[in-house]
């Protein structure tokens, strides 16, 4: 399974990189008058998408059990 995880992550990461390039000029600007939290994310979008793909390919019924029993091992 580990080789599949690496392969899925590679393709998802490539997709995300191309996606960010494609939408770079089309995004709305942020309103600087709003008070927003700029807390840095600990996981990249590619990692989150990969975990969700693996969840949908697994036999688990909810994400909590999937993450605790399988993803924490990796």
N, C-alpha and C. Protein backbone atom coordinates (compact mmCIF):
# COMPACT_ATOMS: atom_id res chain seq x y z
N UNK A 1 0.82 -1.19 0.00
CA UNK A 1 0.00 0.00 0.00
C UNK A 1 0.86 1.25 0.00
N UNK A 2 2.05 1.17 0.59
CA UNK A 2 2.90 2.34 0.69
C UNK A 2 3.30 2.89 -0.68
N UNK A 3 3.55 1.99 -1.64
CA UNK A 3 3.90 2.45 -2.98
C UNK A 3 2.73 3.13 -3.66
N UNK A 4 1.51 2.66 -3.39
CA UNK A 4 0.32 3.30 -3.94
C UNK A 4 0.11 4.69 -3.35
N UNK A 5 0.38 4.84 -2.04
CA UNK A 5 0.24 6.14 -1.38
C UNK A 5 1.20 7.14 -2.02
N UNK A 6 2.43 6.71 -2.25
CA UNK A 6 3.42 7.59 -2.87
C UNK A 6 3.01 7.96 -4.29
N UNK A 7 2.50 7.00 -5.03
CA UNK A 7 2.08 7.26 -6.40
C UNK A 7 0.89 8.21 -6.45
N UNK A 8 -0.09 7.98 -5.59
CA UNK A 8 -1.27 8.86 -5.54
C UNK A 8 -0.84 10.26 -5.15
N UNK A 9 0.02 10.37 -4.13
CA UNK A 9 0.48 11.69 -3.70
C UNK A 9 1.21 12.41 -4.81
N UNK A 10 2.03 11.70 -5.56
CA UNK A 10 2.77 12.31 -6.66
C UNK A 10 1.82 12.94 -7.68
N UNK A 11 0.80 12.18 -8.09
CA UNK A 11 -0.14 12.69 -9.08
C UNK A 11 -0.98 13.85 -8.53
N UNK A 12 -1.38 13.75 -7.28
CA UNK A 12 -2.16 14.83 -6.67
C UNK A 12 -1.31 16.09 -6.55
N UNK A 13 -0.05 15.94 -6.15
CA UNK A 13 0.84 17.09 -6.02
C UNK A 13 1.09 17.75 -7.37
N UNK A 14 1.30 16.95 -8.40
CA UNK A 14 1.47 17.51 -9.74
C UNK A 14 0.22 18.27 -10.18
N UNK A 15 -0.96 17.71 -9.91
CA UNK A 15 -2.20 18.38 -10.25
C UNK A 15 -2.31 19.71 -9.51
N UNK A 16 -2.03 19.71 -8.21
CA UNK A 16 -2.14 20.94 -7.42
C UNK A 16 -1.18 22.01 -7.91
N UNK A 17 0.04 21.62 -8.25
CA UNK A 17 1.00 22.60 -8.78
C UNK A 17 0.49 23.23 -10.07
N UNK A 18 -0.04 22.43 -10.97
CA UNK A 18 -0.60 22.96 -12.22
C UNK A 18 -1.83 23.82 -11.95
N UNK A 19 -2.65 23.41 -11.00
CA UNK A 19 -3.87 24.14 -10.65
C UNK A 19 -3.52 25.54 -10.13
N UNK A 20 -2.52 25.62 -9.24
CA UNK A 20 -2.12 26.91 -8.68
C UNK A 20 -1.59 27.83 -9.78
N UNK A 21 -0.86 27.27 -10.74
CA UNK A 21 -0.38 28.08 -11.86
C UNK A 21 -1.54 28.59 -12.71
N UNK A 22 -2.54 27.74 -12.93
CA UNK A 22 -3.67 28.11 -13.79
C UNK A 22 -4.56 29.18 -13.17
N UNK A 23 -4.72 29.16 -11.85
CA UNK A 23 -5.63 30.12 -11.22
C UNK A 23 -4.90 31.36 -10.69
N UNK A 24 -3.59 31.43 -10.87
CA UNK A 24 -2.80 32.52 -10.30
C UNK A 24 -3.31 33.90 -10.70
N UNK A 25 -3.67 34.09 -11.93
CA UNK A 25 -4.12 35.41 -12.39
C UNK A 25 -5.61 35.64 -12.27
N UNK A 26 -6.35 34.66 -11.80
CA UNK A 26 -7.80 34.75 -11.78
C UNK A 26 -8.40 34.84 -10.38
N UNK A 27 -7.55 34.92 -9.36
CA UNK A 27 -8.05 34.96 -8.00
C UNK A 27 -8.44 36.37 -7.60
N UNK A 28 -9.42 36.46 -6.72
CA UNK A 28 -9.82 37.75 -6.18
C UNK A 28 -8.81 38.18 -5.13
N UNK A 29 -8.67 39.48 -4.98
CA UNK A 29 -7.75 39.98 -3.96
C UNK A 29 -8.45 39.95 -2.60
N UNK A 30 -7.66 39.84 -1.55
CA UNK A 30 -8.21 39.81 -0.21
C UNK A 30 -8.53 41.22 0.26
N UNK A 31 -9.59 41.34 1.05
CA UNK A 31 -9.95 42.62 1.64
C UNK A 31 -9.06 42.83 2.86
N UNK A 32 -8.19 43.83 2.80
CA UNK A 32 -7.23 44.03 3.89
C UNK A 32 -7.88 44.64 5.13
N UNK A 33 -9.11 45.11 5.03
CA UNK A 33 -9.77 45.71 6.20
C UNK A 33 -10.33 44.64 7.15
N UNK A 34 -10.47 43.42 6.66
CA UNK A 34 -10.97 42.34 7.51
C UNK A 34 -9.88 41.85 8.44
N UNK A 35 -10.28 41.47 9.63
CA UNK A 35 -9.35 40.85 10.57
C UNK A 35 -9.40 39.35 10.35
N UNK A 36 -8.36 38.81 9.77
CA UNK A 36 -8.31 37.38 9.51
C UNK A 36 -7.13 36.78 10.25
N UNK A 37 -7.26 35.51 10.56
CA UNK A 37 -6.17 34.80 11.21
C UNK A 37 -5.25 34.26 10.13
N UNK A 38 -4.01 34.47 10.30
CA UNK A 38 -3.01 33.96 9.35
C UNK A 38 -2.22 32.82 9.97
N UNK A 39 -2.94 31.85 10.48
CA UNK A 39 -2.31 30.70 11.10
C UNK A 39 -1.83 29.76 9.99
N UNK A 40 -0.56 29.43 9.98
CA UNK A 40 -0.05 28.57 8.90
C UNK A 40 -0.60 27.14 9.02
N UNK A 41 -0.87 26.56 7.87
CA UNK A 41 -1.36 25.18 7.83
C UNK A 41 -0.20 24.22 8.07
N UNK A 42 -0.52 23.11 8.71
CA UNK A 42 0.51 22.11 8.96
C UNK A 42 0.59 21.09 7.84
N UNK A 43 -0.48 20.97 7.06
CA UNK A 43 -0.50 20.02 5.95
C UNK A 43 -0.76 20.78 4.65
N UNK A 44 -0.15 20.30 3.58
CA UNK A 44 -0.39 20.92 2.28
C UNK A 44 -1.72 20.43 1.72
N UNK A 45 -2.21 21.14 0.73
CA UNK A 45 -3.45 20.72 0.06
C UNK A 45 -3.28 19.33 -0.56
N UNK A 46 -2.11 19.06 -1.10
CA UNK A 46 -1.84 17.75 -1.71
C UNK A 46 -1.96 16.62 -0.69
N UNK A 47 -1.47 16.86 0.51
CA UNK A 47 -1.55 15.84 1.56
C UNK A 47 -2.99 15.58 1.98
N UNK A 48 -3.77 16.64 2.13
CA UNK A 48 -5.17 16.50 2.54
C UNK A 48 -5.97 15.77 1.46
N UNK A 49 -5.76 16.14 0.20
CA UNK A 49 -6.48 15.49 -0.90
C UNK A 49 -6.09 14.01 -1.00
N UNK A 50 -4.81 13.71 -0.81
CA UNK A 50 -4.36 12.31 -0.85
C UNK A 50 -5.02 11.50 0.25
N UNK A 51 -5.10 12.05 1.45
CA UNK A 51 -5.75 11.35 2.56
C UNK A 51 -7.22 11.10 2.25
N UNK A 52 -7.89 12.06 1.66
CA UNK A 52 -9.30 11.86 1.32
C UNK A 52 -9.49 10.82 0.22
N UNK A 53 -8.60 10.79 -0.74
CA UNK A 53 -8.68 9.76 -1.79
C UNK A 53 -8.48 8.38 -1.17
N UNK A 54 -7.49 8.25 -0.31
CA UNK A 54 -7.24 6.97 0.35
C UNK A 54 -8.41 6.55 1.23
N UNK A 55 -9.05 7.51 1.88
CA UNK A 55 -10.23 7.18 2.68
C UNK A 55 -11.33 6.61 1.81
N UNK A 56 -11.57 7.22 0.67
CA UNK A 56 -12.63 6.73 -0.22
C UNK A 56 -12.29 5.38 -0.84
N UNK A 57 -11.03 5.06 -0.91
CA UNK A 57 -10.63 3.76 -1.44
C UNK A 57 -10.60 2.67 -0.36
N UNK A 58 -10.71 3.06 0.89
CA UNK A 58 -10.63 2.10 1.99
C UNK A 58 -12.00 1.55 2.36
N UNK A 59 -12.01 0.65 3.33
CA UNK A 59 -13.26 0.05 3.81
C UNK A 59 -13.82 0.77 5.03
N UNK A 60 -13.16 1.81 5.49
CA UNK A 60 -13.62 2.53 6.69
C UNK A 60 -14.87 3.34 6.39
N UNK A 61 -15.71 3.50 7.42
CA UNK A 61 -16.97 4.22 7.25
C UNK A 61 -16.90 5.68 7.67
N UNK A 62 -15.93 6.03 8.50
CA UNK A 62 -15.78 7.43 8.86
C UNK A 62 -14.30 7.82 8.88
N UNK A 63 -14.06 9.10 8.71
CA UNK A 63 -12.70 9.60 8.55
C UNK A 63 -11.91 9.48 9.86
N UNK A 64 -12.58 9.65 10.99
CA UNK A 64 -11.88 9.59 12.28
C UNK A 64 -11.21 8.23 12.48
N UNK A 65 -11.96 7.15 12.32
CA UNK A 65 -11.38 5.81 12.48
C UNK A 65 -10.31 5.53 11.44
N UNK A 66 -10.55 5.97 10.23
CA UNK A 66 -9.57 5.80 9.16
C UNK A 66 -8.25 6.48 9.53
N UNK A 67 -8.34 7.71 9.99
CA UNK A 67 -7.13 8.46 10.31
C UNK A 67 -6.41 7.87 11.52
N UNK A 68 -7.17 7.52 12.56
CA UNK A 68 -6.55 7.00 13.79
C UNK A 68 -5.92 5.64 13.55
N UNK A 69 -6.60 4.76 12.87
CA UNK A 69 -6.13 3.37 12.72
C UNK A 69 -5.17 3.16 11.56
N UNK A 70 -5.23 3.98 10.54
CA UNK A 70 -4.40 3.71 9.38
C UNK A 70 -3.41 4.85 9.09
N UNK A 71 -3.87 6.07 9.01
CA UNK A 71 -3.00 7.17 8.58
C UNK A 71 -1.95 7.54 9.62
N UNK A 72 -2.25 7.40 10.88
CA UNK A 72 -1.27 7.74 11.91
C UNK A 72 -0.07 6.80 11.89
N UNK A 73 -0.25 5.62 11.31
CA UNK A 73 0.86 4.69 11.20
C UNK A 73 1.92 5.18 10.21
N UNK A 74 1.48 5.94 9.21
CA UNK A 74 2.39 6.45 8.20
C UNK A 74 2.86 7.83 8.56
